[in-house]
Amino acid sequence: MKTDDPEKSTAKKKAAFLRDFGKYGSIARSARIAGIDRTTHYEWLVRDAKYKAKFELKVLMASDAERDALARLVREGFFTPLI
């Protein structure tokens, strides 16, 4: 008989949420993909300092990526074919 360790399950969900947040930048979408309610993310932020630090790093990285993409658009423009 196999018993699931709740701590391992939670750790997997946290990892999945952080991975998807890094990819999509959306709390609601990341929560849905990780199989949690979005309020669970906020509870983790309050209760788990390591999780909070990892999430804040993801936010900074996403912010930098968006800034880079915006700078690229300013430099190169956006090609729209006129056909």
C-alpha atoms as a PDB file:
ATOM      1  CA  MET A   1       0.000   0.000   0.000  1.00  0.00           C
ATOM      2  CA  LYS A   2       1.442   3.353  -1.071  1.00  0.00           C
ATOM      3  CA  THR A   3       1.004   6.443   1.077  1.00  0.00           C
ATOM      4  CA  ASP A   4       1.732   9.892  -0.290  1.00  0.00           C
ATOM      5  CA  ASP A   5       3.833  12.200   1.828  1.00  0.00           C
ATOM      6  CA  PRO A   6       1.918  15.517   2.077  1.00  0.00           C
ATOM      7  CA  GLU A   7       5.163  17.491   2.393  1.00  0.00           C
ATOM      8  CA  LYS A   8       6.514  16.026  -0.860  1.00  0.00           C
ATOM      9  CA  SER A   9       3.205  16.716  -2.574  1.00  0.00           C
ATOM     10  CA  THR A  10       3.263  20.322  -1.375  1.00  0.00           C
ATOM     11  CA  ALA A  11       6.894  20.712  -2.440  1.00  0.00           C
ATOM     12  CA  LYS A  12       6.013  19.433  -5.916  1.00  0.00           C
ATOM     13  CA  LYS A  13       3.096  21.845  -6.160  1.00  0.00           C
ATOM     14  CA  LYS A  14       5.279  24.746  -5.046  1.00  0.00           C
ATOM     15  CA  ALA A  15       7.904  23.819  -7.638  1.00  0.00           C
ATOM     16  CA  ALA A  16       5.263  23.486 -10.348  1.00  0.00           C
ATOM     17  CA  PHE A  17       3.726  26.837  -9.445  1.00  0.00           C
ATOM     18  CA  LEU A  18       7.096  28.619  -9.483  1.00  0.00           C
ATOM     19  CA  ARG A  19       8.104  26.996 -12.779  1.00  0.00           C
ATOM     20  CA  ASP A  20       4.853  27.996 -14.443  1.00  0.00           C
ATOM     21  CA  PHE A  21       4.910  31.486 -12.958  1.00  0.00           C
ATOM     22  CA  GLY A  22       8.367  31.951 -14.445  1.00  0.00           C
ATOM     23  CA  LYS A  23       6.988  30.860 -17.801  1.00  0.00           C
ATOM     24  CA  TYR A  24       3.635  32.692 -17.863  1.00  0.00           C
ATOM     25  CA  GLY A  25       3.864  35.425 -15.211  1.00  0.00           C
ATOM     26  CA  SER A  26       0.286  34.801 -14.098  1.00  0.00           C
ATOM     27  CA  ILE A  27      -0.636  33.759 -10.572  1.00  0.00           C
ATOM     28  CA  ALA A  28      -4.088  32.525 -11.583  1.00  0.00           C
ATOM     29  CA  ARG A  29      -2.811  30.478 -14.524  1.00  0.00           C
ATOM     30  CA  SER A  30       0.132  29.062 -12.571  1.00  0.00           C
ATOM     31  CA  ALA A  31      -2.150  28.052  -9.701  1.00  0.00           C
ATOM     32  CA  ARG A  32      -4.555  26.345 -12.091  1.00  0.00           C
ATOM     33  CA  ILE A  33      -1.711  24.424 -13.769  1.00  0.00           C
ATOM     34  CA  ALA A  34      -0.194  23.423 -10.400  1.00  0.00           C
ATOM     35  CA  GLY A  35      -3.597  22.211  -9.203  1.00  0.00           C
ATOM     36  CA  ILE A  36      -3.983  24.643  -6.314  1.00  0.00           C
ATOM     37  CA  ASP A  37      -6.276  27.498  -5.427  1.00  0.00           C
ATOM     38  CA  ARG A  38      -4.626  30.861  -6.022  1.00  0.00           C
ATOM     39  CA  THR A  39      -5.065  31.751  -2.340  1.00  0.00           C
ATOM     40  CA  THR A  40      -2.770  28.832  -1.487  1.00  0.00           C
ATOM     41  CA  HIS A  41       0.079  30.738  -3.130  1.00  0.00           C
ATOM     42  CA  TYR A  42      -0.513  33.695  -0.802  1.00  0.00           C
ATOM     43  CA  GLU A  43      -0.616  31.388   2.221  1.00  0.00           C
ATOM     44  CA  TRP A  44       2.737  29.918   1.163  1.00  0.00           C
ATOM     45  CA  LEU A  45       4.172  33.431   0.874  1.00  0.00           C
ATOM     46  CA  VAL A  46       3.208  34.169   4.474  1.00  0.00           C
ATOM     47  CA  ARG A  47       4.256  30.827   5.956  1.00  0.00           C
ATOM     48  CA  ASP A  48       7.348  29.782   3.960  1.00  0.00           C
ATOM     49  CA  ALA A  49      10.324  32.171   3.793  1.00  0.00           C
ATOM     50  CA  LYS A  50      12.204  30.012   1.270  1.00  0.00           C
ATOM     51  CA  TYR A  51       9.194  29.900  -1.040  1.00  0.00           C
ATOM     52  CA  LYS A  52       8.767  33.668  -0.707  1.00  0.00           C
ATOM     53  CA  ALA A  53      12.432  34.243  -1.646  1.00  0.00           C
ATOM     54  CA  LYS A  54      12.123  31.961  -4.682  1.00  0.00           C
ATOM     55  CA  PHE A  55       8.916  33.688  -5.784  1.00  0.00           C
ATOM     56  CA  GLU A  56      10.452  37.148  -5.419  1.00  0.00           C
ATOM     57  CA  LEU A  57      13.375  36.015  -7.562  1.00  0.00           C
ATOM     58  CA  LYS A  58      10.943  34.773 -10.227  1.00  0.00           C
ATOM     59  CA  VAL A  59       9.185  38.157 -10.154  1.00  0.00           C
ATOM     60  CA  LEU A  60      12.500  39.969 -10.668  1.00  0.00           C
ATOM     61  CA  MET A  61      13.481  37.645 -13.494  1.00  0.00           C
ATOM     62  CA  ALA A  62      10.095  38.067 -15.195  1.00  0.00           C
ATOM     63  CA  SER A  63      10.345  41.832 -14.829  1.00  0.00           C
ATOM     64  CA  ASP A  64      13.787  41.831 -16.428  1.00  0.00           C
ATOM     65  CA  ALA A  65      12.570  39.641 -19.287  1.00  0.00           C
ATOM     66  CA  GLU A  66       9.641  41.992 -19.954  1.00  0.00           C
ATOM     67  CA  ARG A  67      11.946  45.010 -19.837  1.00  0.00           C
ATOM     68  CA  ASP A  68      14.309  43.328 -22.310  1.00  0.00           C
ATOM     69  CA  ALA A  69      11.446  42.479 -24.653  1.00  0.00           C
ATOM     70  CA  LEU A  70      10.167  46.051 -24.512  1.00  0.00           C
ATOM     71  CA  ALA A  71      13.650  47.456 -25.204  1.00  0.00           C
ATOM     72  CA  ARG A  72      13.978  45.121 -28.197  1.00  0.00           C
ATOM     73  CA  LEU A  73      10.644  46.315 -29.578  1.00  0.00           C
ATOM     74  CA  VAL A  74      11.713  49.942 -29.167  1.00  0.00           C
ATOM     75  CA  ARG A  75      15.008  49.310 -30.993  1.00  0.00           C
ATOM     76  CA  GLU A  76      13.744  47.021 -33.746  1.00  0.00           C
ATOM     77  CA  GLY A  77      10.071  47.903 -34.040  1.00  0.00           C
ATOM     78  CA  PHE A  78       7.309  45.519 -34.952  1.00  0.00           C
ATOM     79  CA  PHE A  79       7.048  44.268 -38.516  1.00  0.00           C
ATOM     80  CA  THR A  80       3.572  44.396 -40.008  1.00  0.00           C
ATOM     81  CA  PRO A  81       3.327  43.350 -43.665  1.00  0.00           C
ATOM     82  CA  LEU A  82       1.137  45.623 -45.783  1.00  0.00           C
ATOM     83  CA  ILE A  83      -0.525  43.289 -48.230  1.00  0.00           C
END
